[in-house]
């Protein structure tokens, strides 16, 4: 089961309240999701993993993001 990010939650909420306007902010939403992804990956890289002091590299962090946050629909 994938986790829902804050941006994904916001999109759902905006779609409920403003179904006709949500299309007008599509580019901003995509940019916000990209920024959020980068923040999650950066946080994962800079935090030590539980098995020791080894830091994750960017590829492993992106894999973590994809496994945790990409919705399989």
Protein backbone atom coordinates (compact mmCIF):
# COMPACT_ATOMS: atom_id res chain seq x y z
CA UNK A 1 0.00 0.00 0.00
CA UNK A 2 1.42 3.38 -1.01
CA UNK A 3 1.56 6.32 1.34
CA UNK A 4 -0.30 9.46 0.39
CA UNK A 5 1.79 12.60 0.26
CA UNK A 6 0.52 15.97 1.45
CA UNK A 7 0.33 17.22 -2.13
CA UNK A 8 -1.74 14.20 -3.20
CA UNK A 9 -4.12 14.81 -0.30
CA UNK A 10 -4.43 18.48 -1.27
CA UNK A 11 -5.21 17.59 -4.89
CA UNK A 12 -8.01 15.29 -3.76
CA UNK A 13 -9.44 17.96 -1.48
CA UNK A 14 -9.26 20.70 -4.11
CA UNK A 15 -10.90 18.40 -6.63
CA UNK A 16 -13.83 17.88 -4.25
CA UNK A 17 -14.39 21.59 -3.61
CA UNK A 18 -13.34 23.05 -6.97
CA UNK A 19 -13.87 20.37 -9.62
CA UNK A 20 -13.90 22.83 -12.53
CA UNK A 21 -10.89 24.88 -11.43
CA UNK A 22 -8.51 22.01 -10.60
CA UNK A 23 -7.44 21.71 -14.24
CA UNK A 24 -6.23 25.32 -14.20
CA UNK A 25 -3.63 24.58 -11.54
CA UNK A 26 -2.35 21.32 -13.08
CA UNK A 27 1.17 22.65 -13.84
CA UNK A 28 1.57 24.06 -10.33
CA UNK A 29 0.47 20.75 -8.83
CA UNK A 30 2.99 18.83 -10.95
CA UNK A 31 5.77 21.20 -9.87
CA UNK A 32 4.74 20.90 -6.21
CA UNK A 33 4.82 17.10 -6.47
CA UNK A 34 8.29 17.21 -8.03
CA UNK A 35 9.52 19.51 -5.25
CA UNK A 36 7.99 17.21 -2.63
CA UNK A 37 9.66 14.16 -4.21
CA UNK A 38 13.04 15.92 -4.14
CA UNK A 39 12.54 16.85 -0.47
CA UNK A 40 11.64 13.26 0.47
CA UNK A 41 14.65 11.87 -1.41
CA UNK A 42 17.00 14.48 0.11
CA UNK A 43 15.70 13.69 3.60
CA UNK A 44 16.18 9.98 3.02
CA UNK A 45 19.75 10.54 1.78
CA UNK A 46 20.75 12.75 4.70
CA UNK A 47 19.27 10.47 7.39
CA UNK A 48 21.35 7.52 8.56
CA UNK A 49 19.79 4.14 7.85
CA UNK A 50 19.00 1.96 10.83
CA UNK A 51 21.69 -0.62 10.07
CA UNK A 52 24.55 1.79 10.69
CA UNK A 53 25.98 5.17 9.82
CA UNK A 54 26.08 4.55 6.07
CA UNK A 55 24.15 7.16 4.14
CA UNK A 56 21.91 6.11 1.27
CA UNK A 57 22.87 7.19 -2.20
CA UNK A 58 20.44 9.05 -4.46
CA UNK A 59 19.48 5.95 -6.44
CA UNK A 60 18.53 4.02 -3.29
CA UNK A 61 16.63 7.04 -1.97
CA UNK A 62 14.69 7.37 -5.23
CA UNK A 63 13.87 3.66 -5.08
CA UNK A 64 12.55 4.19 -1.54
CA UNK A 65 10.39 7.08 -2.78
CA UNK A 66 9.00 5.06 -5.67
CA UNK A 67 8.20 2.07 -3.47
CA UNK A 68 6.62 4.21 -0.74
CA UNK A 69 4.83 6.99 -2.58
CA UNK A 70 4.11 6.06 -6.20
CA UNK A 71 0.52 4.92 -6.44
CA UNK A 72 -0.10 1.84 -8.51
CA UNK A 73 -3.47 2.54 -10.08
